[in-house]
PDB file of N, CA and C in Angstrom:
ATOM      1  N   UNK A   1       6.627  41.877  28.680  1.00  0.00           N
ATOM      2  CA  UNK A   1       5.232  41.500  28.267  1.00  0.00           C
ATOM      3  C   UNK A   1       4.532  41.231  29.649  1.00  0.00           C
ATOM      4  N   UNK A   2       2.702  42.015  29.329  1.00  0.00           N
ATOM      5  CA  UNK A   2       2.168  41.872  30.641  1.00  0.00           C
ATOM      6  C   UNK A   2       1.659  40.387  30.533  1.00  0.00           C
ATOM      7  N   UNK A   3       1.342  40.167  32.219  1.00  0.00           N
ATOM      8  CA  UNK A   3       0.802  39.036  32.312  1.00  0.00           C
ATOM      9  C   UNK A   3       1.481  37.918  32.281  1.00  0.00           C
ATOM     10  N   UNK A   4       2.735  37.857  32.354  1.00  0.00           N
ATOM     11  CA  UNK A   4       4.050  36.552  32.329  1.00  0.00           C
ATOM     12  C   UNK A   4       3.577  35.596  33.033  1.00  0.00           C
ATOM     13  N   UNK A   5       3.071  35.965  34.162  1.00  0.00           N
ATOM     14  CA  UNK A   5       2.455  34.679  34.736  1.00  0.00           C
ATOM     15  C   UNK A   5       1.423  33.673  34.512  1.00  0.00           C
ATOM     16  N   UNK A   6       0.452  34.759  33.517  1.00  0.00           N
ATOM     17  CA  UNK A   6      -0.660  33.933  33.119  1.00  0.00           C
ATOM     18  C   UNK A   6      -0.483  33.270  31.768  1.00  0.00           C
ATOM     19  N   UNK A   7       0.285  33.998  31.361  1.00  0.00           N
ATOM     20  CA  UNK A   7       0.971  33.334  30.103  1.00  0.00           C
ATOM     21  C   UNK A   7       1.519  32.273  30.137  1.00  0.00           C
ATOM     22  N   UNK A   8       2.470  32.057  31.219  1.00  0.00           N
ATOM     23  CA  UNK A   8       3.299  31.014  30.999  1.00  0.00           C
ATOM     24  C   UNK A   8       2.670  29.492  31.693  1.00  0.00           C
ATOM     25  N   UNK A   9       1.330  29.831  32.523  1.00  0.00           N
ATOM     26  CA  UNK A   9       0.512  29.044  32.818  1.00  0.00           C
ATOM     27  C   UNK A   9      -0.009  28.648  31.757  1.00  0.00           C
ATOM     28  N   UNK A  10      -0.840  29.467  30.980  1.00  0.00           N
ATOM     29  CA  UNK A  10      -1.428  29.085  30.037  1.00  0.00           C
ATOM     30  C   UNK A  10      -0.682  27.840  28.937  1.00  0.00           C
ATOM     31  N   UNK A  11       0.797  28.400  28.590  1.00  0.00           N
ATOM     32  CA  UNK A  11       1.255  27.741  27.701  1.00  0.00           C
ATOM     33  C   UNK A  11       1.614  26.299  28.480  1.00  0.00           C
ATOM     34  N   UNK A  12       1.812  26.071  29.651  1.00  0.00           N
ATOM     35  CA  UNK A  12       2.159  25.241  30.771  1.00  0.00           C
ATOM     36  C   UNK A  12       1.257  24.073  30.807  1.00  0.00           C
ATOM     37  N   UNK A  13      -0.083  24.382  30.720  1.00  0.00           N
ATOM     38  CA  UNK A  13      -1.365  23.679  31.029  1.00  0.00           C
ATOM     39  C   UNK A  13      -1.754  23.311  29.503  1.00  0.00           C
ATOM     40  N   UNK A  14      -1.191  23.834  28.247  1.00  0.00           N
ATOM     41  CA  UNK A  14      -1.556  23.831  27.091  1.00  0.00           C
ATOM     42  C   UNK A  14      -0.799  22.490  26.559  1.00  0.00           C
ATOM     43  N   UNK A  15       0.627  22.666  26.934  1.00  0.00           N
ATOM     44  CA  UNK A  15       1.559  21.410  26.585  1.00  0.00           C
ATOM     45  C   UNK A  15       1.409  20.047  27.132  1.00  0.00           C
ATOM     46  N   UNK A  16       1.010  20.177  28.718  1.00  0.00           N
ATOM     47  CA  UNK A  16       0.352  19.180  29.536  1.00  0.00           C
ATOM     48  C   UNK A  16      -0.926  18.188  28.654  1.00  0.00           C
ATOM     49  N   UNK A  17      -1.772  19.553  28.238  1.00  0.00           N
ATOM     50  CA  UNK A  17      -2.781  19.025  27.775  1.00  0.00           C
ATOM     51  C   UNK A  17      -2.463  18.165  26.444  1.00  0.00           C
ATOM     52  N   UNK A  18      -1.359  18.613  25.731  1.00  0.00           N
ATOM     53  CA  UNK A  18      -0.789  18.344  24.226  1.00  0.00           C
ATOM     54  C   UNK A  18      -0.559  16.467  24.423  1.00  0.00           C
ATOM     55  N   UNK A  19       0.330  16.521  25.580  1.00  0.00           N
ATOM     56  CA  UNK A  19       1.032  15.242  25.846  1.00  0.00           C
ATOM     57  C   UNK A  19      -0.035  14.178  26.388  1.00  0.00           C
ATOM     58  N   UNK A  20      -1.328  14.453  26.911  1.00  0.00           N
ATOM     59  CA  UNK A  20      -1.933  13.658  27.551  1.00  0.00           C
ATOM     60  C   UNK A  20      -2.639  13.093  26.141  1.00  0.00           C
ATOM     61  N   UNK A  21      -3.166  14.083  24.937  1.00  0.00           N
ATOM     62  CA  UNK A  21      -3.783  13.548  24.078  1.00  0.00           C
ATOM     63  C   UNK A  21      -2.690  12.655  22.921  1.00  0.00           C
ATOM     64  N   UNK A  22      -1.641  13.399  22.752  1.00  0.00           N
ATOM     65  CA  UNK A  22      -1.026  12.435  22.353  1.00  0.00           C
ATOM     66  C   UNK A  22      -0.459  10.807  22.726  1.00  0.00           C
ATOM     67  N   UNK A  23      -0.598  11.227  24.219  1.00  0.00           N
ATOM     68  CA  UNK A  23      -0.301   9.533  24.503  1.00  0.00           C
ATOM     69  C   UNK A  23      -2.068   8.464  24.208  1.00  0.00           C
ATOM     70  N   UNK A  24      -2.751   9.751  24.793  1.00  0.00           N
ATOM     71  CA  UNK A  24      -4.091   8.499  24.352  1.00  0.00           C
ATOM     72  C   UNK A  24      -4.324   8.187  22.933  1.00  0.00           C
ATOM     73  N   UNK A  25      -3.755   9.015  21.866  1.00  0.00           N
ATOM     74  CA  UNK A  25      -4.013   8.558  20.251  1.00  0.00           C
ATOM     75  C   UNK A  25      -2.926   7.164  20.062  1.00  0.00           C
ATOM     76  N   UNK A  26      -1.885   7.632  20.711  1.00  0.00           N
ATOM     77  CA  UNK A  26      -0.832   6.206  20.517  1.00  0.00           C
ATOM     78  C   UNK A  26      -1.503   5.219  21.340  1.00  0.00           C
ATOM     79  N   UNK A  27      -2.140   5.465  22.335  1.00  0.00           N
ATOM     80  CA  UNK A  27      -3.158   3.910  23.012  1.00  0.00           C
ATOM     81  C   UNK A  27      -4.101   3.466  22.189  1.00  0.00           C
ATOM     82  N   UNK A  28      -4.545   4.679  21.757  1.00  0.00           N
ATOM     83  CA  UNK A  28      -6.094   4.170  21.032  1.00  0.00           C
ATOM     84  C   UNK A  28      -6.302   4.718  19.565  1.00  0.00           C
ATOM     85  N   UNK A  29      -5.222   4.538  18.669  1.00  0.00           N
ATOM     86  CA  UNK A  29      -5.795   4.645  17.561  1.00  0.00           C
ATOM     87  C   UNK A  29      -6.898   4.684  16.645  1.00  0.00           C
ATOM     88  N   UNK A  30      -7.230   5.425  15.962  1.00  0.00           N
ATOM     89  CA  UNK A  30      -8.176   5.768  14.848  1.00  0.00           C
ATOM     90  C   UNK A  30      -7.830   4.619  14.170  1.00  0.00           C
ATOM     91  N   UNK A  31      -9.379   3.944  13.171  1.00  0.00           N
ATOM     92  CA  UNK A  31      -8.962   2.826  12.288  1.00  0.00           C
ATOM     93  C   UNK A  31      -8.334   3.413  11.245  1.00  0.00           C
ATOM     94  N   UNK A  32      -8.450   4.595  10.924  1.00  0.00           N
ATOM     95  CA  UNK A  32      -7.435   5.544   9.909  1.00  0.00           C
ATOM     96  C   UNK A  32      -5.869   4.769  10.138  1.00  0.00           C
ATOM     97  N   UNK A  33      -5.558   5.308  11.081  1.00  0.00           N
ATOM     98  CA  UNK A  33      -4.321   4.904  11.395  1.00  0.00           C
ATOM     99  C   UNK A  33      -3.639   3.143  11.509  1.00  0.00           C
ATOM    100  N   UNK A  34      -4.577   2.725  12.036  1.00  0.00           N
ATOM    101  CA  UNK A  34      -4.343   1.546  12.102  1.00  0.00           C
ATOM    102  C   UNK A  34      -4.073   0.792  10.940  1.00  0.00           C
ATOM    103  N   UNK A  35      -5.028   1.359   9.726  1.00  0.00           N
ATOM    104  CA  UNK A  35      -5.071   0.885   8.368  1.00  0.00           C
ATOM    105  C   UNK A  35      -3.618   1.238   7.805  1.00  0.00           C
ATOM    106  N   UNK A  36      -2.956   2.222   8.116  1.00  0.00           N
ATOM    107  CA  UNK A  36      -2.286   2.864   7.722  1.00  0.00           C
ATOM    108  C   UNK A  36      -0.821   2.296   8.057  1.00  0.00           C
ATOM    109  N   UNK A  37      -0.673   1.896   9.036  1.00  0.00           N
ATOM    110  CA  UNK A  37       0.279   1.265   9.882  1.00  0.00           C
ATOM    111  C   UNK A  37       0.243   0.051   9.047  1.00  0.00           C
ATOM    112  N   UNK A  38      -0.815  -1.131   8.955  1.00  0.00           N
ATOM    113  CA  UNK A  38      -0.866  -2.330   8.506  1.00  0.00           C
ATOM    114  C   UNK A  38      -0.108  -1.823   7.502  1.00  0.00           C
ATOM    115  N   UNK A  39      -0.748  -1.070   5.940  1.00  0.00           N
ATOM    116  CA  UNK A  39      -0.280  -0.839   4.670  1.00  0.00           C
ATOM    117  C   UNK A  39       1.064  -0.635   5.051  1.00  0.00           C
ATOM    118  N   UNK A  40       2.285  -0.058   5.607  1.00  0.00           N
ATOM    119  CA  UNK A  40       3.514   0.726   5.968  1.00  0.00           C
ATOM    120  C   UNK A  40       4.095  -0.535   6.149  1.00  0.00           C
ATOM    121  N   UNK A  41       3.302  -1.592   7.344  1.00  0.00           N
ATOM    122  CA  UNK A  41       4.419  -2.894   7.567  1.00  0.00           C
ATOM    123  C   UNK A  41       4.227  -4.142   6.395  1.00  0.00           C
ATOM    124  N   UNK A  42       2.547  -3.953   5.826  1.00  0.00           N
ATOM    125  CA  UNK A  42       3.100  -4.742   4.068  1.00  0.00           C
ATOM    126  C   UNK A  42       4.168  -4.498   3.398  1.00  0.00           C
ATOM    127  N   UNK A  43       4.070  -3.091   2.974  1.00  0.00           N
ATOM    128  CA  UNK A  43       5.032  -2.288   1.933  1.00  0.00           C
ATOM    129  C   UNK A  43       6.549  -3.004   2.720  1.00  0.00           C
ATOM    130  N   UNK A  44       6.942  -2.819   3.903  1.00  0.00           N
ATOM    131  CA  UNK A  44       8.043  -2.559   4.175  1.00  0.00           C
ATOM    132  C   UNK A  44       8.709  -3.862   4.020  1.00  0.00           C
ATOM    133  N   UNK A  45       7.495  -5.592   4.165  1.00  0.00           N
ATOM    134  CA  UNK A  45       8.115  -6.918   3.845  1.00  0.00           C
ATOM    135  C   UNK A  45       8.042  -6.739   2.625  1.00  0.00           C
ATOM    136  N   UNK A  46       7.592  -6.135   1.639  1.00  0.00           N
ATOM    137  CA  UNK A  46       8.350  -6.505   0.161  1.00  0.00           C
ATOM    138  C   UNK A  46       9.479  -6.697  -0.142  1.00  0.00           C
ATOM    139  N   UNK A  47      10.022  -7.644  -0.506  1.00  0.00           N
ATOM    140  CA  UNK A  47      11.216  -7.241  -1.284  1.00  0.00           C
ATOM    141  C   UNK A  47      11.764  -6.071  -1.852  1.00  0.00           C
ATOM    142  N   UNK A  48      12.834  -5.586  -2.268  1.00  0.00           N
ATOM    143  CA  UNK A  48      13.057  -4.306  -2.500  1.00  0.00           C
ATOM    144  C   UNK A  48      12.815  -4.581  -4.297  1.00  0.00           C
ATOM    145  N   UNK A  49      12.867  -5.622  -4.373  1.00  0.00           N
ATOM    146  CA  UNK A  49      12.912  -5.917  -5.783  1.00  0.00           C
ATOM    147  C   UNK A  49      11.618  -5.824  -6.512  1.00  0.00           C
ATOM    148  N   UNK A  50      10.897  -5.921  -5.646  1.00  0.00           N
ATOM    149  CA  UNK A  50       9.070  -6.164  -6.169  1.00  0.00           C
ATOM    150  C   UNK A  50       8.459  -4.675  -5.837  1.00  0.00           C
ATOM    151  N   UNK A  51       8.654  -4.140  -6.658  1.00  0.00           N
ATOM    152  CA  UNK A  51       8.430  -2.537  -6.965  1.00  0.00           C
ATOM    153  C   UNK A  51       7.592  -2.203  -8.243  1.00  0.00           C
ATOM    154  N   UNK A  52       6.239  -2.103  -8.158  1.00  0.00           N
ATOM    155  CA  UNK A  52       5.095  -2.160  -9.283  1.00  0.00           C
ATOM    156  C   UNK A  52       5.618  -0.440 -10.388  1.00  0.00           C
ATOM    157  N   UNK A  53       6.331   0.408  -9.512  1.00  0.00           N
ATOM    158  CA  UNK A  53       6.464   1.124 -10.340  1.00  0.00           C
ATOM    159  C   UNK A  53       7.697   1.508 -11.145  1.00  0.00           C
ATOM    160  N   UNK A  54       8.625   0.531 -11.028  1.00  0.00           N
ATOM    161  CA  UNK A  54       9.925   0.345 -11.464  1.00  0.00           C
ATOM    162  C   UNK A  54      10.009  -0.265 -12.801  1.00  0.00           C
ATOM    163  N   UNK A  55      10.688   0.346 -13.713  1.00  0.00           N
ATOM    164  CA  UNK A  55      10.342  -0.640 -14.825  1.00  0.00           C
ATOM    165  C   UNK A  55      11.565  -1.938 -14.822  1.00  0.00           C
ATOM    166  N   UNK A  56      11.432  -2.413 -15.399  1.00  0.00           N
ATOM    167  CA  UNK A  56      12.513  -3.597 -15.911  1.00  0.00           C
ATOM    168  C   UNK A  56      13.511  -3.525 -16.456  1.00  0.00           C
ATOM    169  N   UNK A  57      14.948  -4.059 -16.108  1.00  0.00           N
ATOM    170  CA  UNK A  57      15.847  -3.184 -16.889  1.00  0.00           C
ATOM    171  C   UNK A  57      16.193  -4.464 -18.026  1.00  0.00           C
TER     172      UNK A  57
END
């Protein structure tokens, strides 16, 4: 491969940037992510017997 050092440096920089962005998104989630997390937490709190899509036996 030509320019192996340049490619390796590019990939290393990209990985560092992507990790920084993931951490920033984790610390500052968007309003949509906050809403989805809230909905998921509410769903997990409901008892498993309470399922709107389940037909009664």
